[in-house]
Structures are given as C-alpha cells and as structure tokens.
Amino acid sequence: MSELGVGKEVVTHCSKCSHDLAHIIEVMADTTTPLRVKCKTCGASHKFKVKKAAKAKSTRARKPRVSSEQKLMNLWEAGIAKSKGETSKYNIKTKFNIGEIVDHPKFGLGVVEKALDANKIEVIFKTVSKVLMHNK
C-alpha cells in the first residue's frame, strides 16, 4: 500500500458531491491521517472524513402493523367487554357516562370513551369514532 502524504490521492466522501470520490490530500494531521482534502471532481476543499463501516441490519422481529380501523375495532371490543350495565338508546337529551354502551340509530352499538365537556361525549363505534351531543 502506498504511503499517504500531501499531494497524494485518496478516496473519501465529498460533502458537496455527496459521493465517494478521488481527492488530493492538502494537509496531513499526522503521518497516517489526512486533515484536509480537495475533491478532484468539484474542486471543493473540506475535512477528511473516515469511511464508516456499513451498518448491520437489525435481526429483531418487527411487530405487524395494525391499521387504524383495527385499532378502533380493538378499542371498541375492549370497551364493550369491560362496560357494565345495559344498552341505552341514544337520545340527545339523555346524559351518558364514561363506559356506557350507546345504541345509535345510524352507527350501531358504541362505548362512551370520554366526556369532552358538559354536553359532548366521544363514542367509539365498531368502525368509527364520533363526538356526540348529550344532556341537552
């Protein structure tokens, strides 16, 4: 292997060209390490960058992706399973509490997930989450 020195050629990454290209050594840090190099392609002068070793791919198993519909379905099933009490028909005048099961004429069975304010609730149905009025 040829010795490194000022005026010698070395292949390193050019930050301006974004490729590994031939460079001319301009300044040496010590007898074995270049400090500054000049790209033979674009003429840019920059610090010498040591090549990084290629990253090994991770061998850990990835969790399968869950679609938003599936997440919603899982929330709905969990809410139905842990809810207590009977199903109530949805009516804007009725007051609903968190965890109650609501039977909506358009969306079907749903579980009250949270109360947004005094007269709005978030209800999770099998395929969609909706904000509904109540306690009017």
Protein backbone atom coordinates (compact mmCIF):
# COMPACT_ATOMS: atom_id res chain seq x y z
CA MET A 1 0.00 0.00 0.00
CA SER A 2 1.32 3.45 -0.88
CA GLU A 3 2.06 5.90 1.91
CA LEU A 4 -0.24 8.84 2.47
CA GLY A 5 1.14 12.34 2.11
CA VAL A 6 0.42 15.81 0.81
CA GLY A 7 -0.36 15.71 -2.91
CA LYS A 8 -1.29 12.01 -2.87
CA GLU A 9 -4.69 10.75 -3.94
CA VAL A 10 -7.22 9.22 -1.54
CA VAL A 11 -10.84 8.12 -2.00
CA THR A 12 -13.22 9.67 0.56
CA HIS A 13 -16.72 11.11 0.77
CA CYS A 14 -17.22 14.56 -0.81
CA SER A 15 -19.83 16.56 1.09
CA LYS A 16 -20.53 18.76 -1.93
CA CYS A 17 -20.89 15.94 -4.50
CA SER A 18 -22.43 13.50 -1.98
CA HIS A 19 -20.38 10.60 -3.34
CA ASP A 20 -17.19 8.73 -2.54
CA LEU A 21 -14.70 10.25 -4.98
CA ALA A 22 -10.97 10.75 -5.51
CA HIS A 23 -9.47 13.62 -3.51
CA ILE A 24 -5.99 15.17 -3.28
CA ILE A 25 -4.55 15.46 0.24
CA GLU A 26 -3.81 19.13 1.08
CA VAL A 27 -2.90 18.93 4.81
CA MET A 28 -1.86 15.98 6.99
CA ALA A 29 -2.88 15.73 10.68
CA ASP A 30 -0.08 13.23 11.32
CA THR A 31 1.89 10.76 9.22
CA THR A 32 -1.08 8.44 8.69
CA THR A 33 -4.18 10.70 8.76
CA PRO A 34 -5.12 13.39 6.23
CA LEU A 35 -6.66 16.55 7.72
CA ARG A 36 -7.91 18.43 4.63
CA VAL A 37 -8.58 17.13 1.14
CA LYS A 38 -9.63 18.66 -2.19
CA CYS A 39 -12.16 16.93 -4.45
CA LYS A 40 -10.81 16.21 -7.93
CA THR A 41 -14.33 16.40 -9.39
CA CYS A 42 -15.81 19.62 -7.97
CA GLY A 43 -12.71 21.29 -6.52
CA ALA A 44 -14.23 21.70 -3.04
CA SER A 45 -11.82 21.64 -0.10
CA HIS A 46 -13.06 20.06 3.13
CA LYS A 47 -12.04 17.99 6.16
CA PHE A 48 -11.08 14.39 5.55
CA LYS A 49 -13.89 12.05 6.58
CA VAL A 50 -13.12 8.49 7.58
CA LYS A 51 -15.41 5.93 5.95
CA LYS A 52 -17.91 4.45 8.37
CA ALA A 53 -18.44 0.72 8.45
CA ALA A 54 -21.70 -0.45 6.91
CA LYS A 55 -24.48 -0.90 9.46
CA ALA A 56 -25.59 -4.45 10.09
CA LYS A 57 -29.31 -4.96 9.73
CA SER A 58 -31.23 -5.47 12.91
CA THR A 59 -32.35 -9.03 13.50
CA ARG A 60 -35.12 -8.25 15.95
CA ALA A 61 -38.62 -9.12 14.87
CA ARG A 62 -40.93 -6.29 13.98
CA LYS A 63 -44.46 -6.13 15.24
CA PRO A 64 -47.00 -6.34 12.46
CA ARG A 65 -48.61 -3.01 11.65
CA VAL A 66 -52.13 -2.50 12.88
CA SER A 67 -54.42 -0.36 10.76
CA SER A 68 -56.36 2.49 12.31
CA GLU A 69 -59.59 0.58 11.65
CA GLN A 70 -58.20 -2.41 13.53
CA LYS A 71 -57.08 -0.20 16.44
CA LEU A 72 -60.57 1.30 16.60
CA MET A 73 -62.11 -2.17 16.49
CA ASN A 74 -59.83 -3.31 19.35
CA LEU A 75 -60.81 -0.27 21.45
CA TRP A 76 -64.49 -0.91 20.75
CA GLU A 77 -64.24 -4.61 21.68
CA ALA A 78 -62.35 -3.79 24.90
CA GLY A 79 -64.92 -1.13 25.81
CA ILE A 80 -67.85 -3.48 25.20
CA ALA A 81 -66.16 -6.24 27.23
CA LYS A 82 -65.46 -4.10 30.30
CA SER A 83 -68.64 -2.00 30.27
CA LYS A 84 -71.25 -2.64 32.93
CA GLY A 85 -74.94 -2.13 32.61
CA GLU A 86 -77.46 -2.28 29.85
CA THR A 87 -77.51 -0.70 26.43
CA SER A 88 -79.13 2.75 26.26
CA LYS A 89 -80.78 4.12 23.12
CA TYR A 90 -79.05 7.30 22.00
CA ASN A 91 -81.00 10.47 22.60
CA ILE A 92 -79.55 13.97 22.69
CA LYS A 93 -81.47 14.69 25.91
CA THR A 94 -80.07 11.67 27.80
CA LYS A 95 -76.94 12.06 29.93
CA PHE A 96 -74.28 9.38 29.30
CA ASN A 97 -71.31 8.42 31.48
CA ILE A 98 -67.91 7.06 30.50
CA GLY A 99 -68.05 3.32 29.81
CA GLU A 100 -71.77 3.20 28.98
CA ILE A 101 -72.96 1.34 25.90
CA VAL A 102 -74.94 3.52 23.49
CA ASP A 103 -77.21 2.17 20.75
CA HIS A 104 -77.14 4.78 17.97
CA PRO A 105 -79.71 4.51 15.13
CA LYS A 106 -77.09 5.15 12.40
CA PHE A 107 -73.75 3.91 13.83
CA GLY A 108 -74.96 0.97 15.95
CA LEU A 109 -73.50 -0.03 19.31
CA GLY A 110 -70.84 2.21 20.77
CA VAL A 111 -68.98 2.81 24.00
CA VAL A 112 -68.61 6.25 25.60
CA GLU A 113 -64.84 6.74 25.66
CA LYS A 114 -64.60 10.20 27.24
CA ALA A 115 -66.59 13.29 28.13
CA LEU A 116 -65.28 16.32 26.24
CA ASP A 117 -67.38 18.86 28.15
CA ALA A 118 -70.76 19.11 29.87
CA ASN A 119 -72.73 18.20 26.76
CA LYS A 120 -70.29 16.43 24.38
CA ILE A 121 -69.02 12.87 24.53
CA GLU A 122 -66.67 10.83 22.36
CA VAL A 123 -68.22 7.50 21.43
CA ILE A 124 -66.30 4.66 19.80
CA PHE A 125 -68.39 2.60 17.42
CA LYS A 126 -67.25 -0.56 15.63
CA THR A 127 -65.92 1.28 12.56
CA VAL A 128 -65.71 4.95 13.55
CA SER A 129 -65.23 7.31 16.49
CA LYS A 130 -67.74 10.19 16.80
CA VAL A 131 -68.33 13.21 19.01
CA LEU A 132 -71.99 13.31 20.02
CA MET A 133 -74.14 15.78 21.90
CA HIS A 134 -75.89 14.67 25.11
CA ASN A 135 -77.52 16.09 28.23
CA LYS A 136 -79.35 18.89 26.31
